[in-house]
Protein backbone atom coordinates (compact mmCIF):
# COMPACT_ATOMS: atom_id res chain seq x y z
CA MET A 1 0.28 -12.65 -17.30
CA LYS A 2 -1.23 -13.62 -13.95
CA LYS A 3 -4.02 -11.79 -12.15
CA PHE A 4 -3.86 -10.75 -8.49
CA LEU A 5 -6.54 -9.46 -6.17
CA CYS A 6 -5.35 -6.88 -3.67
CA THR A 7 -7.74 -6.25 -0.79
CA PHE A 8 -6.73 -3.10 1.05
CA TYR A 9 -7.92 -1.82 4.42
CA LEU A 10 -7.91 1.93 4.92
CA GLN A 11 -7.14 3.56 8.26
CA ALA A 12 -10.20 4.62 10.25
CA ASP A 13 -9.06 8.23 10.65
CA LEU A 14 -8.18 9.67 7.26
CA SER A 15 -6.30 12.95 7.57
CA ASN A 16 -6.41 16.00 5.33
CA GLU A 17 -3.10 14.76 3.89
CA PHE A 18 -4.89 11.63 2.63
CA TRP A 19 -7.62 13.66 0.90
CA GLU A 20 -5.05 15.97 -0.68
CA LEU A 21 -3.38 12.91 -2.27
CA ILE A 22 -6.60 11.64 -3.90
CA PRO A 23 -6.25 13.55 -7.24
CA ARG A 24 -2.67 12.26 -7.68
CA HIS A 25 -3.76 8.76 -6.66
CA ARG A 26 -6.71 8.74 -9.12
CA ASN A 27 -4.40 9.89 -11.92
CA TYR A 28 -2.00 7.03 -11.10
CA ILE A 29 -4.87 4.49 -11.05
CA ASN A 30 -6.41 5.83 -14.26
CA ASN A 31 -3.08 5.61 -16.11
CA LEU A 32 -2.60 1.99 -15.01
CA MET A 33 -6.16 1.18 -16.09
CA ARG A 34 -5.51 2.67 -19.54
CA GLU A 35 -2.39 0.48 -19.75
CA GLU A 36 -4.51 -2.54 -18.66
CA VAL A 37 -2.25 -3.17 -15.67
CA ILE A 38 -5.14 -2.51 -13.29
CA ILE A 39 -8.30 -4.30 -14.43
CA THR A 40 -10.71 -3.18 -11.70
CA TYR A 41 -10.57 -0.75 -8.80
CA ALA A 42 -13.28 -0.43 -6.15
CA VAL A 43 -13.76 1.04 -2.67
CA ASN A 44 -16.69 0.23 -0.39
CA GLY A 45 -19.28 2.85 0.61
CA ASN A 46 -17.88 3.65 4.04
CA ARG A 47 -14.32 3.98 2.64
CA SER A 48 -12.84 1.31 4.89
CA LYS A 49 -11.88 -1.34 2.33
CA GLY A 50 -11.07 -1.62 -1.37
CA TRP A 51 -10.19 -4.13 -4.08
CA VAL A 52 -7.83 -3.95 -7.04
CA VAL A 53 -7.37 -6.62 -9.72
CA ILE A 54 -3.90 -6.39 -11.26
CA ASN A 55 -2.18 -7.98 -14.27
CA ALA A 56 1.37 -8.84 -13.23
CA ALA A 57 4.03 -11.49 -13.87
CA SER A 58 4.40 -12.24 -10.15
CA GLU A 59 3.01 -11.40 -6.73
CA MET A 60 6.17 -9.37 -6.07
CA GLU A 61 5.52 -7.26 -9.18
CA ALA A 62 1.89 -6.71 -8.10
CA ALA A 63 3.01 -5.74 -4.57
CA GLU A 64 5.57 -3.27 -5.97
CA LEU A 65 2.77 -1.63 -7.95
CA ILE A 66 0.58 -1.33 -4.82
CA ASP A 67 3.52 0.04 -2.84
CA ARG A 68 3.76 2.93 -5.32
CA PHE A 69 0.16 4.05 -4.68
CA PRO A 70 0.28 7.70 -3.56
CA ILE A 71 -2.00 6.81 -0.60
CA ARG A 72 0.05 3.72 0.35
CA ARG A 73 0.93 4.81 3.88
CA PHE A 74 -2.79 4.98 4.76
CA PHE A 75 -3.62 1.28 4.31
CA HIS A 76 -2.45 -2.29 4.75
CA TYR A 77 -3.34 -5.04 2.30
CA GLU A 78 -3.59 -8.73 1.45
CA MET A 79 -2.67 -10.13 -1.96
CA ASP A 80 -4.13 -13.25 -3.60
CA GLU A 81 -3.26 -14.79 -6.93
CA LEU A 82 -6.47 -15.51 -8.83
CA PHE A 83 -7.13 -18.85 -10.46
CA ILE A 84 -10.23 -17.61 -12.30
CA PHE A 85 -11.29 -14.04 -13.04
CA ASP A 86 -14.35 -13.63 -15.24
CA SER A 87 -15.98 -10.37 -16.20
CA MET A 88 -18.62 -9.24 -18.65
CA ILE A 89 -18.17 -10.55 -22.18
CA GLY A 90 -18.79 -8.46 -25.25
CA ALA A 91 -18.95 -4.80 -26.13
CA PRO A 92 -20.20 -2.25 -23.63
CA LYS A 93 -23.91 -1.49 -23.78
CA LEU A 94 -24.76 1.71 -25.58
CA VAL A 95 -26.80 4.12 -23.46
CA MET A 96 -28.79 6.73 -25.36
CA ASN A 97 -29.50 9.83 -23.28
């Protein structure tokens, strides 16, 4: 399985329709994360740009996944195949509250 980085650029004026789609969009993202199709998902602080790392067999498969995002009509994106993708190694740290 290859890894792809999708950088997406959100529209400047986000309508009420966009915000109403967020719960459905988060559910979609969370399901793909549980299935380990999406590895990471991030949006910057001013909500203008985001990044998604995807496991897919091809760039076309990754793009098809992005095109099914519920908020798809509110952004454009660039896709890059990753040569190296490293993340934290080991078990998550236990936090005692």
